[in-house]
Protein backbone atom coordinates (compact mmCIF):
# COMPACT_ATOMS: atom_id res chain seq x y z
CA MET A 1 29.86 2.40 -12.34
CA LYS A 2 30.77 1.22 -15.84
CA GLU A 3 29.00 -1.59 -15.73
CA ASN A 4 28.33 -4.72 -18.71
CA ASP A 5 27.14 -2.05 -20.57
CA ASP A 6 27.73 -4.13 -24.40
CA ASN A 7 24.20 -4.85 -25.07
CA ILE A 8 22.47 -1.72 -23.54
CA ASP A 9 20.36 0.17 -25.81
CA ILE A 10 21.46 3.50 -25.44
CA PRO A 11 18.47 5.82 -27.21
CA ALA A 12 15.81 3.62 -25.13
CA PHE A 13 17.80 4.24 -21.95
CA CYS A 14 18.10 7.84 -22.87
CA SER A 15 14.20 8.18 -23.82
CA ARG A 16 13.02 6.70 -20.12
CA PRO A 17 11.77 9.76 -17.82
CA HIS A 18 13.31 11.23 -15.05
CA LEU A 19 11.27 11.36 -11.75
CA VAL A 20 11.45 13.15 -9.05
CA ILE A 21 9.38 12.54 -5.81
CA LEU A 22 8.84 15.83 -3.41
CA GLY A 23 8.08 16.11 0.27
CA ALA A 24 8.36 18.82 2.68
CA GLY A 25 11.73 19.11 3.12
CA ALA A 26 11.60 20.24 -0.34
CA THR A 27 9.32 23.08 0.08
CA VAL A 28 11.40 24.56 3.03
CA ASP A 29 14.61 24.04 1.08
CA ALA A 30 13.08 26.06 -1.90
CA ILE A 31 12.06 29.67 0.02
CA PRO A 32 14.77 29.15 2.84
CA ASN A 33 14.01 33.05 3.30
CA GLY A 34 10.07 32.18 3.38
CA ASP A 35 7.59 32.67 0.57
CA LYS A 36 6.89 36.23 -1.05
CA ASN A 37 5.76 37.70 2.40
CA GLY A 38 8.36 35.98 4.92
CA LYS A 39 6.54 33.37 5.80
CA LYS A 40 8.30 30.34 6.43
CA SER A 41 7.22 26.85 5.52
CA SER A 42 7.26 23.63 7.84
CA VAL A 43 8.20 20.16 7.97
CA MET A 44 5.50 18.16 10.10
CA LYS A 45 7.29 18.09 13.46
CA GLY A 46 6.18 20.94 15.23
CA PHE A 47 3.76 21.97 12.76
CA VAL A 48 0.80 22.06 14.87
CA GLU A 49 2.26 24.31 17.60
CA LYS A 50 3.12 26.81 14.15
CA LEU A 51 -0.26 26.59 13.52
CA GLY A 52 -1.55 27.63 17.07
CA PHE A 53 -3.01 25.23 17.84
CA SER A 54 -1.61 23.35 20.45
CA ASP A 55 -3.89 24.74 23.33
CA MET A 56 -6.98 23.31 20.94
CA LEU A 57 -5.66 19.60 21.35
CA ALA A 58 -5.13 20.48 24.95
CA THR A 59 -9.38 19.88 25.40
CA THR A 60 -8.76 16.55 23.69
CA ASN A 61 -7.60 14.72 26.95
CA ILE A 62 -5.12 12.22 24.71
CA ASN A 63 -1.79 12.36 25.82
CA PHE A 64 0.03 13.13 22.29
CA THR A 65 3.49 11.31 22.75
CA SER A 66 5.07 13.46 19.49
CA ASP A 67 5.29 16.64 18.08
CA ASN A 68 4.48 15.45 14.28
CA LEU A 69 1.30 16.28 12.68
CA GLU A 70 0.98 13.53 11.31
CA ASP A 71 0.99 11.03 14.63
CA ILE A 72 -1.28 13.96 15.92
CA TYR A 73 -4.06 13.84 13.19
CA SER A 74 -4.43 9.67 12.88
CA SER A 75 -4.52 10.17 16.81
CA LEU A 76 -7.45 12.39 16.31
CA ALA A 77 -8.57 10.49 13.40
CA GLU A 78 -8.76 7.02 14.97
CA ARG A 79 -11.70 8.85 17.50
CA LYS A 80 -14.63 9.66 17.19
CA GLU A 81 -15.16 12.15 19.98
CA CYS A 82 -12.02 14.20 18.61
CA GLU A 83 -14.14 15.18 15.24
CA GLY A 84 -14.62 18.44 15.90
CA VAL A 85 -10.76 19.15 16.23
CA ARG A 86 -9.81 17.14 13.54
CA LEU A 87 -12.45 19.31 11.27
CA GLN A 88 -10.90 22.60 13.04
CA LEU A 89 -7.11 21.34 12.24
CA GLU A 90 -7.80 20.14 9.14
CA THR A 91 -9.43 24.02 7.73
CA ALA A 92 -6.05 25.44 9.57
CA ILE A 93 -4.30 23.40 7.25
CA TYR A 94 -5.63 24.01 4.21
CA LYS A 95 -5.91 27.95 5.16
CA TYR A 96 -2.17 28.08 5.98
CA PHE A 97 -1.02 26.18 2.84
CA SER A 98 -3.51 28.42 0.49
CA SER A 99 -1.33 31.35 2.05
CA PHE A 100 1.71 30.79 0.77
CA GLU A 101 2.55 33.37 -2.15
CA LEU A 102 5.88 32.22 -4.43
CA PRO A 103 8.58 35.15 -3.63
CA ASP A 104 9.20 37.38 -7.07
CA THR A 105 12.77 36.09 -7.05
CA ILE A 106 14.12 33.18 -8.63
CA THR A 107 13.61 29.61 -7.03
CA LYS A 108 15.09 26.13 -6.45
CA TYR A 109 11.49 25.13 -7.82
CA ASP A 110 11.90 26.93 -11.04
CA LEU A 111 14.94 25.83 -11.47
CA LEU A 112 14.22 22.19 -10.90
CA ILE A 113 10.97 22.43 -13.11
CA LEU A 114 13.35 23.67 -16.17
CA SER A 115 15.70 21.31 -15.44
CA LEU A 116 13.38 18.43 -16.85
CA THR A 117 11.20 18.30 -20.07
CA LYS A 118 7.98 16.68 -20.76
CA LYS A 119 9.12 13.27 -20.80
CA ASP A 120 9.74 13.62 -17.04
CA CYS A 121 7.18 13.51 -14.41
CA ILE A 122 7.60 15.64 -10.81
CA ALA A 123 5.76 13.91 -8.05
CA THR A 124 4.63 16.05 -5.32
CA PHE A 125 3.11 14.71 -1.56
CA ASN A 126 3.22 18.92 -0.90
CA TRP A 127 -0.13 20.41 -0.06
CA ASP A 128 1.43 23.76 -0.83
CA GLY A 129 0.57 25.24 -4.28
CA LEU A 130 4.32 26.63 -4.95
CA MET A 131 5.25 24.20 -7.26
CA VAL A 132 2.49 25.07 -8.89
CA ASP A 133 3.09 28.96 -9.49
CA ALA A 134 6.82 27.46 -10.37
CA TYR A 135 5.15 25.57 -13.29
CA ARG A 136 2.70 28.28 -14.58
CA ARG A 137 6.11 31.20 -14.54
CA MET A 138 8.69 28.64 -16.57
CA MET A 139 5.93 28.31 -18.89
CA ARG A 140 6.65 31.59 -20.03
CA ILE A 141 10.49 30.20 -21.13
CA THR A 142 8.68 27.24 -22.74
CA GLN A 143 6.38 24.63 -22.91
CA ASP A 144 8.29 21.72 -22.78
CA LEU A 145 7.65 21.17 -18.99
CA PRO A 146 7.71 18.29 -17.28
CA GLU A 147 4.70 16.24 -15.64
CA MET A 148 3.10 17.08 -12.65
CA LEU A 149 1.61 14.93 -9.80
CA PHE A 150 -0.15 15.28 -6.83
CA LEU A 151 -0.02 12.61 -5.14
CA HIS A 152 -1.69 13.60 -1.75
CA GLY A 153 -3.97 16.67 -3.38
CA ASN A 154 -2.93 20.13 -3.57
CA VAL A 155 -4.52 23.99 -2.45
CA LYS A 156 -3.98 25.14 -5.86
CA VAL A 157 -5.37 21.58 -8.11
CA GLY A 158 -8.45 21.51 -9.25
CA TYR A 159 -9.62 18.86 -11.18
CA CYS A 160 -13.36 17.75 -13.07
CA PRO A 161 -15.14 14.65 -11.52
CA GLU A 162 -16.29 14.09 -14.94
CA CYS A 163 -13.69 13.37 -17.58
CA GLY A 164 -10.89 13.11 -14.46
CA SER A 165 -9.02 16.48 -16.28
CA PHE A 166 -7.26 18.57 -14.05
CA GLY A 167 -4.76 21.74 -13.87
CA TYR A 168 -4.85 24.86 -11.75
CA TYR A 169 -7.55 24.83 -9.52
CA ASN A 170 -9.63 28.12 -10.67
CA TYR A 171 -9.70 26.96 -14.29
CA HIS A 172 -12.02 25.29 -16.55
CA CYS A 173 -12.41 21.97 -17.61
CA PRO A 174 -10.84 22.36 -21.28
CA ASN A 175 -13.34 19.08 -21.76
CA CYS A 176 -16.40 19.81 -20.27
CA HIS A 177 -15.97 23.21 -19.70
CA THR A 178 -17.15 23.28 -16.09
CA THR A 179 -14.75 25.40 -13.21
CA PHE A 180 -12.76 22.53 -11.55
CA SER A 181 -13.93 20.91 -8.64
CA PRO A 182 -11.11 21.50 -5.61
CA SER A 183 -8.83 18.36 -5.21
CA LYS A 184 -9.20 16.55 -1.81
CA LEU A 185 -5.97 17.16 0.44
CA LEU A 186 -5.16 13.34 2.06
CA TYR A 187 -4.18 13.87 5.48
CA PRO A 188 -2.03 11.80 7.34
CA VAL A 189 -3.79 8.37 8.66
CA ARG A 190 -2.04 5.79 9.38
CA GLN A 191 -4.07 3.82 6.84
CA LYS A 192 -4.38 5.62 3.96
CA ASN A 193 -7.26 5.02 0.92
CA TYR A 194 -6.01 5.98 -2.03
CA ASN A 195 -8.65 4.63 -3.86
CA LYS A 196 -11.21 6.25 -2.20
CA ASP A 197 -10.81 9.75 -4.31
CA ASN A 198 -11.28 9.62 -7.69
CA PHE A 199 -8.63 12.14 -8.50
CA ILE A 200 -6.41 10.85 -6.02
CA LYS A 201 -6.21 7.47 -7.37
CA ASP A 202 -5.74 8.48 -10.95
CA GLN A 203 -2.52 10.95 -9.55
CA TRP A 204 -1.20 7.27 -8.31
CA ASP A 205 -2.26 5.06 -11.42
CA LEU A 206 0.42 7.67 -13.41
CA PHE A 207 2.85 8.00 -10.82
CA GLU A 208 3.08 4.22 -10.55
CA ASP A 209 3.73 3.84 -14.25
CA TYR A 210 6.27 6.65 -14.14
CA LEU A 211 8.48 5.19 -11.19
CA SER A 212 8.06 1.92 -13.14
CA CYS A 213 10.10 3.28 -15.67
CA ALA A 214 12.06 6.17 -14.65
CA ALA A 215 15.94 6.19 -15.57
CA ILE A 216 16.72 7.70 -12.20
CA VAL A 217 14.43 8.80 -9.63
CA THR A 218 15.31 11.96 -6.89
CA ILE A 219 13.58 12.02 -3.74
CA TYR A 220 13.77 15.19 -2.53
CA GLY A 221 13.14 16.12 0.84
CA TYR A 222 10.65 13.82 1.42
CA SER A 223 11.60 11.02 4.43
CA ALA A 224 9.04 8.23 3.90
CA PRO A 225 7.42 8.85 7.30
CA LYS A 226 5.90 5.62 8.92
CA THR A 227 2.29 7.25 8.27
CA ASP A 228 2.85 6.76 4.68
CA ALA A 229 3.26 2.22 4.84
CA ASP A 230 0.35 2.24 1.86
CA ALA A 231 2.58 4.94 -0.01
CA ILE A 232 5.67 2.91 0.54
CA GLU A 233 4.19 -0.70 -0.29
CA LYS A 234 2.58 0.67 -3.72
CA LEU A 235 6.28 2.62 -4.36
CA LYS A 236 8.15 -0.60 -3.91
CA ASN A 237 5.15 -2.49 -6.16
CA ALA A 238 5.47 -0.10 -8.63
CA PHE A 239 9.42 -0.03 -8.53
CA THR A 240 9.53 -3.48 -9.32
CA ARG A 241 6.81 -3.79 -11.81
CA ILE A 242 8.57 -4.44 -14.92
CA ALA A 243 11.77 -5.73 -13.73
CA LYS A 244 12.79 -7.26 -10.45
CA MET A 245 16.02 -5.99 -11.04
CA ARG A 246 16.93 -2.55 -12.30
CA TYR A 247 20.95 -2.82 -12.66
CA LEU A 248 21.86 0.41 -14.42
CA ASP A 249 19.07 2.70 -13.19
CA GLN A 250 19.59 5.82 -10.43
CA ILE A 251 18.65 7.07 -6.71
CA GLN A 252 19.37 10.10 -5.95
CA ILE A 253 18.07 11.27 -2.46
CA ILE A 254 18.76 15.32 -1.43
CA GLU A 255 18.73 15.89 2.07
CA ARG A 256 19.64 18.58 5.01
CA PRO A 257 23.31 19.28 5.08
CA GLY A 258 25.10 17.40 7.86
CA PHE A 259 22.25 14.83 7.30
CA ASN A 260 23.44 11.35 9.28
CA HIS A 261 23.67 8.87 6.33
CA ASN A 262 22.57 6.00 8.98
CA GLU A 263 19.23 7.45 9.22
CA ILE A 264 18.15 7.32 5.74
CA SER A 265 14.89 6.08 5.59
CA ASP A 266 14.33 1.91 5.83
CA ALA A 267 11.89 2.74 2.23
CA TRP A 268 15.45 4.16 -0.01
CA GLU A 269 17.73 1.80 1.77
CA ASP A 270 15.60 -1.24 0.15
CA LEU A 271 14.92 0.28 -3.29
CA SER A 272 19.05 0.54 -3.31
CA GLU A 273 18.89 -3.00 -3.36
CA TYR A 274 16.74 -2.78 -6.88
CA VAL A 275 19.34 -0.54 -8.46
CA HIS A 276 22.53 -2.66 -7.06
CA GLY A 277 23.18 -0.33 -4.45
CA HIS A 278 22.88 2.49 -7.04
CA LEU A 279 22.08 5.35 -4.62
CA LYS A 280 23.70 8.53 -3.71
CA ILE A 281 22.51 10.97 -0.99
CA GLU A 282 23.40 14.85 -1.46
CA GLU A 283 23.02 17.75 0.75
CA SER A 284 22.06 20.01 -2.32
CA PHE A 285 19.88 20.26 -5.50
CA PHE A 286 23.09 21.57 -6.87
CA ASP A 287 25.06 18.66 -6.70
CA THR A 288 22.32 16.65 -8.67
CA TYR A 289 22.52 15.66 -12.52
CA LEU A 290 19.17 17.87 -12.46
CA ALA A 291 21.60 20.71 -11.69
CA GLU A 292 24.69 19.27 -13.61
CA PHE A 293 22.89 18.40 -16.56
CA PRO A 294 19.54 20.85 -16.68
CA ARG A 295 16.95 19.70 -19.44
CA ARG A 296 19.04 16.44 -20.51
CA SER A 297 19.91 14.84 -17.31
CA VAL A 298 19.57 11.06 -18.24
CA GLU A 299 22.00 11.67 -21.21
CA GLY A 300 24.23 13.00 -18.70
CA TYR A 301 23.69 10.04 -16.60
CA VAL A 302 24.35 7.65 -19.24
CA LYS A 303 27.16 9.71 -20.68
CA ARG A 304 29.04 9.21 -17.53
CA ASN A 305 28.20 6.12 -15.99
CA ILE A 306 27.38 4.36 -18.49
CA THR A 307 29.75 4.99 -21.25
CA GLY A 308 32.57 6.21 -19.16
CA TRP A 309 33.04 10.38 -20.07
CA TRP A 310 34.10 12.24 -16.95
CA GLY A 311 34.21 15.46 -19.23
CA PRO A 312 32.53 18.56 -17.39
CA SER A 313 28.86 19.66 -18.36
CA ASN A 314 28.88 22.48 -20.55
CA LYS A 315 26.09 24.15 -19.18
CA SER A 316 24.91 23.82 -15.58
CA PHE A 317 22.99 25.44 -12.82
CA GLU A 318 25.55 26.64 -9.96
CA GLU A 319 24.78 27.29 -6.55
CA GLU A 320 26.48 30.51 -6.63
CA LYS A 321 24.64 31.72 -9.67
CA GLY A 322 21.21 29.83 -9.81
CA VAL A 323 18.86 31.36 -7.58
CA ASN A 324 20.68 34.78 -7.98
CA TYR A 325 19.42 34.41 -12.12
CA THR A 326 16.82 37.21 -13.00
CA PHE A 327 13.78 35.89 -15.14
CA ASP A 328 15.82 37.49 -18.28
CA GLU A 329 19.13 36.02 -17.05
CA LEU A 330 17.37 32.56 -16.62
CA GLU A 331 15.46 32.78 -20.07
CA THR A 332 18.78 33.72 -21.86
CA PHE A 333 21.16 30.83 -19.87
CA ILE A 334 18.32 27.85 -20.41
CA SER A 335 17.15 29.35 -24.49
CA PRO A 336 20.40 27.32 -26.01
CA LEU A 337 19.34 23.61 -24.05
CA LEU A 338 15.89 24.02 -25.47
CA TYR A 339 16.14 23.96 -29.32
CA VAL A 340 18.86 20.57 -29.19
CA ASP A 341 18.01 17.46 -29.20
CA PRO A 342 19.30 16.18 -25.72
CA PHE A 343 20.65 12.84 -27.45
CA GLU A 344 22.62 14.00 -30.49
CA SER A 345 24.51 16.41 -27.98
CA LEU A 346 25.38 13.42 -26.04
CA SER A 347 26.95 12.02 -29.15
CA LEU A 348 28.60 14.36 -30.04
CA ASN A 349 30.38 14.59 -26.87
CA LYS A 350 28.29 18.12 -26.39
CA LEU A 351 26.97 18.00 -22.62
């Protein structure tokens, strides 16, 4: 993909963030054997049955044509007479996602967080708090970690209504010294109002800023469902806010093994046009720039695809080893990358 790079400001390009967008499929992939107690996460399809809520839905006399939570919830929300069932479903959803506990072993979420630095961002649509817990334990290794944003709220995140600060749900606001209020979950209605809740609005404002300037966007387990139509429209507008065409930028999508590439979301097809077709679908986190060049993914991308270098990365998260590290081994492995300038490594061919 080496193209028209004579006038590229390489240092400026490398200073741009790497943005990762997470959906339900990412949590499923991060804990394939279940959480600490063996509880497995689920994508939205079949989720209501997993909650044991099918009998309650039968009382509504609605002929649900889909087993997808997003479709079912939207149908309930559109009917005033179903308010009681909808509220029970919300309570069940909150309780379900609050019950997840991160395994004691290393997960892909730990590696993902550690693969990025403070200039980068992870924005998640997920309600579960596993990413939050992974972030907290990776802080034992380094404080140089990415921004975290919660686009639909999160059961482990609280915020301060007075000053807009947010953090771990049972912490105190560092400015106002009051206990954080729980962030509200944005449930999957067809017409979402991202401006109704101040916390959600602030999260989206920050997300759109990152999306408008990210050099690499990695989409992990997020299928852009049709109930997220407003979110997808906001995403497209933010992506082209600064420049209509982003010829050298890259989009990577992590999908399940065996995924039919012809079934890619129209939303991602549309975005690929803005990056001159620079869209790659990978079947594993370990096939991405995040794992190949942890903590210097943009620099690795530049070196390989813009300057034309095809050398191997000297430090990668490898599939056969990554999630089998002990915490001490992971810290030892990543430590050399905590104290080097990635751009200096790029210029010295030490990536």
